[in-house]
Amino acid sequence: RLVPASTAKMLTQQLRELEADDLVH
């Protein structure tokens, strides 16, 4: 909801990349 311009697929991909880089838990 906070990032309405992104699609669900793109948001998931970005979150997985951030998790892989240890920037988010």
PDB file of all heavy atoms in Angstrom:
ATOM      1  N   ARG A   1       0.827  -1.211   0.000  1.00  0.00           N
ATOM      2  CA  ARG A   1       0.000   0.000   0.000  1.00  0.00           C
ATOM      3  C   ARG A   1       0.860   1.259   0.000  1.00  0.00           C
ATOM      4  O   ARG A   1       0.507   2.270  -0.605  1.00  0.00           O
ATOM      5  CB  ARG A   1      -0.917   0.016   1.212  1.00  0.00           C
ATOM      6  CG  ARG A   1      -2.177  -0.783   1.038  1.00  0.00           C
ATOM      7  CD  ARG A   1      -3.186  -0.471   2.134  1.00  0.00           C
ATOM      8  NE  ARG A   1      -2.651  -0.696   3.474  1.00  0.00           N
ATOM      9  CZ  ARG A   1      -2.732  -1.855   4.138  1.00  0.00           C
ATOM     10  NH1 ARG A   1      -3.331  -2.886   3.589  1.00  0.00           N
ATOM     11  NH2 ARG A   1      -2.231  -1.975   5.349  1.00  0.00           N
ATOM     12  N   LEU A   2       1.984   1.225   0.698  1.00  0.00           N
ATOM     13  CA  LEU A   2       2.846   2.403   0.806  1.00  0.00           C
ATOM     14  C   LEU A   2       3.631   2.683  -0.467  1.00  0.00           C
ATOM     15  O   LEU A   2       4.074   3.809  -0.691  1.00  0.00           O
ATOM     16  CB  LEU A   2       3.810   2.241   1.986  1.00  0.00           C
ATOM     17  CG  LEU A   2       3.169   2.252   3.367  1.00  0.00           C
ATOM     18  CD1 LEU A   2       4.170   1.835   4.421  1.00  0.00           C
ATOM     19  CD2 LEU A   2       2.600   3.618   3.674  1.00  0.00           C
ATOM     20  N   VAL A   3       3.844   1.662  -1.279  1.00  0.00           N
ATOM     21  CA  VAL A   3       4.577   1.812  -2.541  1.00  0.00           C
ATOM     22  C   VAL A   3       3.624   1.413  -3.669  1.00  0.00           C
ATOM     23  O   VAL A   3       3.793   0.371  -4.299  1.00  0.00           O
ATOM     24  CB  VAL A   3       5.860   0.935  -2.546  1.00  0.00           C
ATOM     25  CG1 VAL A   3       6.704   1.241  -3.767  1.00  0.00           C
ATOM     26  CG2 VAL A   3       6.669   1.130  -1.280  1.00  0.00           C
ATOM     27  N   PRO A   4       2.619   2.229  -3.946  1.00  0.00           N
ATOM     28  CA  PRO A   4       1.574   1.827  -4.894  1.00  0.00           C
ATOM     29  C   PRO A   4       2.051   1.729  -6.335  1.00  0.00           C
ATOM     30  O   PRO A   4       1.427   1.042  -7.144  1.00  0.00           O
ATOM     31  CB  PRO A   4       0.524   2.927  -4.740  1.00  0.00           C
ATOM     32  CG  PRO A   4       1.274   4.104  -4.259  1.00  0.00           C
ATOM     33  CD  PRO A   4       2.397   3.560  -3.412  1.00  0.00           C
ATOM     34  N   ALA A   5       3.138   2.378  -6.689  1.00  0.00           N
ATOM     35  CA  ALA A   5       3.602   2.346  -8.073  1.00  0.00           C
ATOM     36  C   ALA A   5       4.223   1.005  -8.442  1.00  0.00           C
ATOM     37  O   ALA A   5       4.336   0.676  -9.618  1.00  0.00           O
ATOM     38  CB  ALA A   5       4.608   3.466  -8.312  1.00  0.00           C
ATOM     39  N   SER A   6       4.632   0.223  -7.453  1.00  0.00           N
ATOM     40  CA  SER A   6       5.281  -1.054  -7.746  1.00  0.00           C
ATOM     41  C   SER A   6       4.246  -2.164  -7.872  1.00  0.00           C
ATOM     42  O   SER A   6       3.202  -2.138  -7.245  1.00  0.00           O
ATOM     43  CB  SER A   6       6.286  -1.417  -6.657  1.00  0.00           C
ATOM     44  OG  SER A   6       5.625  -1.875  -5.514  1.00  0.00           O
ATOM     45  N   THR A   7       4.590  -3.156  -8.680  1.00  0.00           N
ATOM     46  CA  THR A   7       3.738  -4.336  -8.781  1.00  0.00           C
ATOM     47  C   THR A   7       4.120  -5.296  -7.663  1.00  0.00           C
ATOM     48  O   THR A   7       5.181  -5.149  -7.040  1.00  0.00           O
ATOM     49  CB  THR A   7       3.936  -5.028 -10.136  1.00  0.00           C
ATOM     50  OG1 THR A   7       5.287  -5.474 -10.236  1.00  0.00           O
ATOM     51  CG2 THR A   7       3.601  -4.097 -11.288  1.00  0.00           C
ATOM     52  N   ALA A   8       3.278  -6.271  -7.408  1.00  0.00           N
ATOM     53  CA  ALA A   8       3.559  -7.248  -6.356  1.00  0.00           C
ATOM     54  C   ALA A   8       4.845  -8.012  -6.668  1.00  0.00           C
ATOM     55  O   ALA A   8       5.662  -8.269  -5.782  1.00  0.00           O
ATOM     56  CB  ALA A   8       2.385  -8.204  -6.206  1.00  0.00           C
ATOM     57  N   LYS A   9       5.028  -8.360  -7.933  1.00  0.00           N
ATOM     58  CA  LYS A   9       6.237  -9.093  -8.343  1.00  0.00           C
ATOM     59  C   LYS A   9       7.491  -8.252  -8.108  1.00  0.00           C
ATOM     60  O   LYS A   9       8.496  -8.747  -7.590  1.00  0.00           O
ATOM     61  CB  LYS A   9       6.122  -9.471  -9.813  1.00  0.00           C
ATOM     62  CG  LYS A   9       7.325 -10.200 -10.335  1.00  0.00           C
ATOM     63  CD  LYS A   9       7.202 -10.504 -11.811  1.00  0.00           C
ATOM     64  CE  LYS A   9       8.487 -11.112 -12.324  1.00  0.00           C
ATOM     65  NZ  LYS A   9       8.468 -11.295 -13.775  1.00  0.00           N
ATOM     66  N   MET A  10       7.440  -6.981  -8.473  1.00  0.00           N
ATOM     67  CA  MET A  10       8.600  -6.102  -8.317  1.00  0.00           C
ATOM     68  C   MET A  10       8.911  -5.870  -6.845  1.00  0.00           C
ATOM     69  O   MET A  10      10.076  -5.891  -6.434  1.00  0.00           O
ATOM     70  CB  MET A  10       8.352  -4.771  -9.022  1.00  0.00           C
ATOM     71  CG  MET A  10       9.519  -3.817  -8.958  1.00  0.00           C
ATOM     72  SD  MET A  10      11.045  -4.457  -9.681  1.00  0.00           S
ATOM     73  CE  MET A  10      10.600  -4.492 -11.392  1.00  0.00           C
ATOM     74  N   LEU A  11       7.877  -5.671  -6.031  1.00  0.00           N
ATOM     75  CA  LEU A  11       8.083  -5.458  -4.601  1.00  0.00           C
ATOM     76  C   LEU A  11       8.716  -6.691  -3.965  1.00  0.00           C
ATOM     77  O   LEU A  11       9.664  -6.585  -3.187  1.00  0.00           O
ATOM     78  CB  LEU A  11       6.760  -5.116  -3.914  1.00  0.00           C
ATOM     79  CG  LEU A  11       6.832  -4.820  -2.425  1.00  0.00           C
ATOM     80  CD1 LEU A  11       7.738  -3.637  -2.138  1.00  0.00           C
ATOM     81  CD2 LEU A  11       5.444  -4.561  -1.875  1.00  0.00           C
ATOM     82  N   THR A  12       8.229  -7.867  -4.319  1.00  0.00           N
ATOM     83  CA  THR A  12       8.785  -9.108  -3.793  1.00  0.00           C
ATOM     84  C   THR A  12      10.239  -9.259  -4.208  1.00  0.00           C
ATOM     85  O   THR A  12      11.100  -9.618  -3.401  1.00  0.00           O
ATOM     86  CB  THR A  12       7.967 -10.312  -4.290  1.00  0.00           C
ATOM     87  OG1 THR A  12       6.623 -10.163  -3.848  1.00  0.00           O
ATOM     88  CG2 THR A  12       8.530 -11.614  -3.762  1.00  0.00           C
ATOM     89  N   GLN A  13      10.532  -8.970  -5.455  1.00  0.00           N
ATOM     90  CA  GLN A  13      11.904  -9.083  -5.962  1.00  0.00           C
ATOM     91  C   GLN A  13      12.833  -8.122  -5.229  1.00  0.00           C
ATOM     92  O   GLN A  13      13.936  -8.506  -4.819  1.00  0.00           O
ATOM     93  CB  GLN A  13      11.922  -8.797  -7.452  1.00  0.00           C
ATOM     94  CG  GLN A  13      13.298  -8.890  -8.070  1.00  0.00           C
ATOM     95  CD  GLN A  13      13.280  -8.541  -9.563  1.00  0.00           C
ATOM     96  OE1 GLN A  13      12.223  -8.321 -10.136  1.00  0.00           O
ATOM     97  NE2 GLN A  13      14.430  -8.492 -10.157  1.00  0.00           N
ATOM     98  N   GLN A  14      12.405  -6.877  -5.058  1.00  0.00           N
ATOM     99  CA  GLN A  14      13.227  -5.885  -4.367  1.00  0.00           C
ATOM    100  C   GLN A  14      13.458  -6.284  -2.907  1.00  0.00           C
ATOM    101  O   GLN A  14      14.570  -6.156  -2.391  1.00  0.00           O
ATOM    102  CB  GLN A  14      12.558  -4.509  -4.432  1.00  0.00           C
ATOM    103  CG  GLN A  14      12.362  -3.969  -5.826  1.00  0.00           C
ATOM    104  CD  GLN A  14      13.641  -3.481  -6.448  1.00  0.00           C
ATOM    105  OE1 GLN A  14      14.285  -2.571  -5.933  1.00  0.00           O
ATOM    106  NE2 GLN A  14      14.006  -4.068  -7.566  1.00  0.00           N
ATOM    107  N   LEU A  15      12.422  -6.775  -2.239  1.00  0.00           N
ATOM    108  CA  LEU A  15      12.563  -7.202  -0.847  1.00  0.00           C
ATOM    109  C   LEU A  15      13.511  -8.394  -0.725  1.00  0.00           C
ATOM    110  O   LEU A  15      14.316  -8.464   0.206  1.00  0.00           O
ATOM    111  CB  LEU A  15      11.199  -7.552  -0.253  1.00  0.00           C
ATOM    112  CG  LEU A  15      10.310  -6.363   0.086  1.00  0.00           C
ATOM    113  CD1 LEU A  15       8.898  -6.827   0.384  1.00  0.00           C
ATOM    114  CD2 LEU A  15      10.888  -5.582   1.251  1.00  0.00           C
ATOM    115  N   ARG A  16      13.430  -9.333  -1.648  1.00  0.00           N
ATOM    116  CA  ARG A  16      14.341 -10.489  -1.620  1.00  0.00           C
ATOM    117  C   ARG A  16      15.786 -10.059  -1.838  1.00  0.00           C
ATOM    118  O   ARG A  16      16.706 -10.592  -1.213  1.00  0.00           O
ATOM    119  CB  ARG A  16      13.921 -11.514  -2.656  1.00  0.00           C
ATOM    120  CG  ARG A  16      12.688 -12.270  -2.241  1.00  0.00           C
ATOM    121  CD  ARG A  16      12.318 -13.335  -3.218  1.00  0.00           C
ATOM    122  NE  ARG A  16      11.112 -14.037  -2.773  1.00  0.00           N
ATOM    123  CZ  ARG A  16      10.310 -14.705  -3.559  1.00  0.00           C
ATOM    124  NH1 ARG A  16      10.568 -14.795  -4.849  1.00  0.00           N
ATOM    125  NH2 ARG A  16       9.247 -15.305  -3.070  1.00  0.00           N
ATOM    126  N   GLU A  17      16.001  -9.104  -2.725  1.00  0.00           N
ATOM    127  CA  GLU A  17      17.362  -8.605  -2.945  1.00  0.00           C
ATOM    128  C   GLU A  17      17.882  -7.897  -1.702  1.00  0.00           C
ATOM    129  O   GLU A  17      19.048  -8.070  -1.327  1.00  0.00           O
ATOM    130  CB  GLU A  17      17.389  -7.660  -4.146  1.00  0.00           C
ATOM    131  CG  GLU A  17      17.208  -8.365  -5.471  1.00  0.00           C
ATOM    132  CD  GLU A  17      17.121  -7.408  -6.647  1.00  0.00           C
ATOM    133  OE1 GLU A  17      17.384  -6.191  -6.466  1.00  0.00           O
ATOM    134  OE2 GLU A  17      16.790  -7.880  -7.756  1.00  0.00           O
ATOM    135  N   LEU A  18      17.042  -7.097  -1.058  1.00  0.00           N
ATOM    136  CA  LEU A  18      17.455  -6.422   0.175  1.00  0.00           C
ATOM    137  C   LEU A  18      17.759  -7.431   1.279  1.00  0.00           C
ATOM    138  O   LEU A  18      18.702  -7.245   2.055  1.00  0.00           O
ATOM    139  CB  LEU A  18      16.374  -5.446   0.632  1.00  0.00           C
ATOM    140  CG  LEU A  18      16.205  -4.180  -0.200  1.00  0.00           C
ATOM    141  CD1 LEU A  18      14.947  -3.439   0.200  1.00  0.00           C
ATOM    142  CD2 LEU A  18      17.423  -3.293  -0.066  1.00  0.00           C
ATOM    143  N   GLU A  19      16.976  -8.497   1.345  1.00  0.00           N
ATOM    144  CA  GLU A  19      17.213  -9.534   2.338  1.00  0.00           C
ATOM    145  C   GLU A  19      18.512 -10.281   2.040  1.00  0.00           C
ATOM    146  O   GLU A  19      19.281 -10.582   2.949  1.00  0.00           O
ATOM    147  CB  GLU A  19      16.038 -10.507   2.367  1.00  0.00           C
ATOM    148  CG  GLU A  19      16.154 -11.557   3.440  1.00  0.00           C
ATOM    149  CD  GLU A  19      14.980 -12.512   3.451  1.00  0.00           C
ATOM    150  OE1 GLU A  19      14.194 -12.542   2.491  1.00  0.00           O
ATOM    151  OE2 GLU A  19      14.873 -13.250   4.447  1.00  0.00           O
ATOM    152  N   ALA A  20      18.775 -10.557   0.781  1.00  0.00           N
ATOM    153  CA  ALA A  20      20.008 -11.253   0.400  1.00  0.00           C
ATOM    154  C   ALA A  20      21.240 -10.408   0.711  1.00  0.00           C
ATOM    155  O   ALA A  20      22.305 -10.943   1.034  1.00  0.00           O
ATOM    156  CB  ALA A  20      19.974 -11.604  -1.088  1.00  0.00           C
ATOM    157  N   ASP A  21      21.105  -9.092   0.630  1.00  0.00           N
ATOM    158  CA  ASP A  21      22.207  -8.177   0.940  1.00  0.00           C
ATOM    159  C   ASP A  21      22.291  -7.849   2.425  1.00  0.00           C
ATOM    160  O   ASP A  21      23.101  -7.015   2.831  1.00  0.00           O
ATOM    161  CB  ASP A  21      22.049  -6.876   0.141  1.00  0.00           C
ATOM    162  CG  ASP A  21      22.205  -7.099  -1.349  1.00  0.00           C
ATOM    163  OD1 ASP A  21      22.886  -8.064  -1.744  1.00  0.00           O
ATOM    164  OD2 ASP A  21      21.635  -6.300  -2.121  1.00  0.00           O
ATOM    165  N   ASP A  22      21.459  -8.492   3.247  1.00  0.00           N
ATOM    166  CA  ASP A  22      21.415  -8.283   4.704  1.00  0.00           C
ATOM    167  C   ASP A  22      21.080  -6.845   5.094  1.00  0.00           C
ATOM    168  O   ASP A  22      21.544  -6.339   6.109  1.00  0.00           O
ATOM    169  CB  ASP A  22      22.727  -8.719   5.367  1.00  0.00           C
ATOM    170  CG  ASP A  22      22.905 -10.214   5.355  1.00  0.00           C
ATOM    171  OD1 ASP A  22      21.893 -10.929   5.422  1.00  0.00           O
ATOM    172  OD2 ASP A  22      24.075 -10.672   5.270  1.00  0.00           O
ATOM    173  N   LEU A  23      20.263  -6.183   4.289  1.00  0.00           N
ATOM    174  CA  LEU A  23      19.817  -4.839   4.633  1.00  0.00           C
ATOM    175  C   LEU A  23      18.484  -4.857   5.357  1.00  0.00           C
ATOM    176  O   LEU A  23      18.146  -3.909   6.064  1.00  0.00           O
ATOM    177  CB  LEU A  23      19.704  -3.978   3.375  1.00  0.00           C
ATOM    178  CG  LEU A  23      21.038  -3.657   2.701  1.00  0.00           C
ATOM    179  CD1 LEU A  23      20.812  -2.935   1.388  1.00  0.00           C
ATOM    180  CD2 LEU A  23      21.903  -2.829   3.619  1.00  0.00           C
ATOM    181  N   VAL A  24      17.710  -5.918   5.170  1.00  0.00           N
ATOM    182  CA  VAL A  24      16.451  -6.088   5.903  1.00  0.00           C
ATOM    183  C   VAL A  24      16.405  -7.503   6.456  1.00  0.00           C
ATOM    184  O   VAL A  24      17.064  -8.408   5.957  1.00  0.00           O
ATOM    185  CB  VAL A  24      15.202  -5.831   5.021  1.00  0.00           C
ATOM    186  CG1 VAL A  24      15.175  -4.408   4.528  1.00  0.00           C
ATOM    187  CG2 VAL A  24      15.137  -6.795   3.883  1.00  0.00           C
ATOM    188  N   HIS A  25      15.624  -7.652   7.513  1.00  0.00           N
ATOM    189  CA  HIS A  25      15.437  -8.962   8.139  1.00  0.00           C
ATOM    190  C   HIS A  25      13.984  -9.348   7.984  1.00  0.00           C
ATOM    191  O   HIS A  25      13.088  -8.557   8.301  1.00  0.00           O
ATOM    192  CB  HIS A  25      15.815  -8.901   9.620  1.00  0.00           C
ATOM    193  CG  HIS A  25      15.431 -10.118  10.381  1.00  0.00           C
ATOM    194  ND1 HIS A  25      16.087 -11.310  10.228  1.00  0.00           N
ATOM    195  CD2 HIS A  25      14.458 -10.332  11.278  1.00  0.00           C
ATOM    196  CE1 HIS A  25      15.512 -12.209  11.023  1.00  0.00           C
ATOM    197  NE2 HIS A  25      14.515 -11.639  11.667  1.00  0.00           N
TER     198      HIS A  25
END
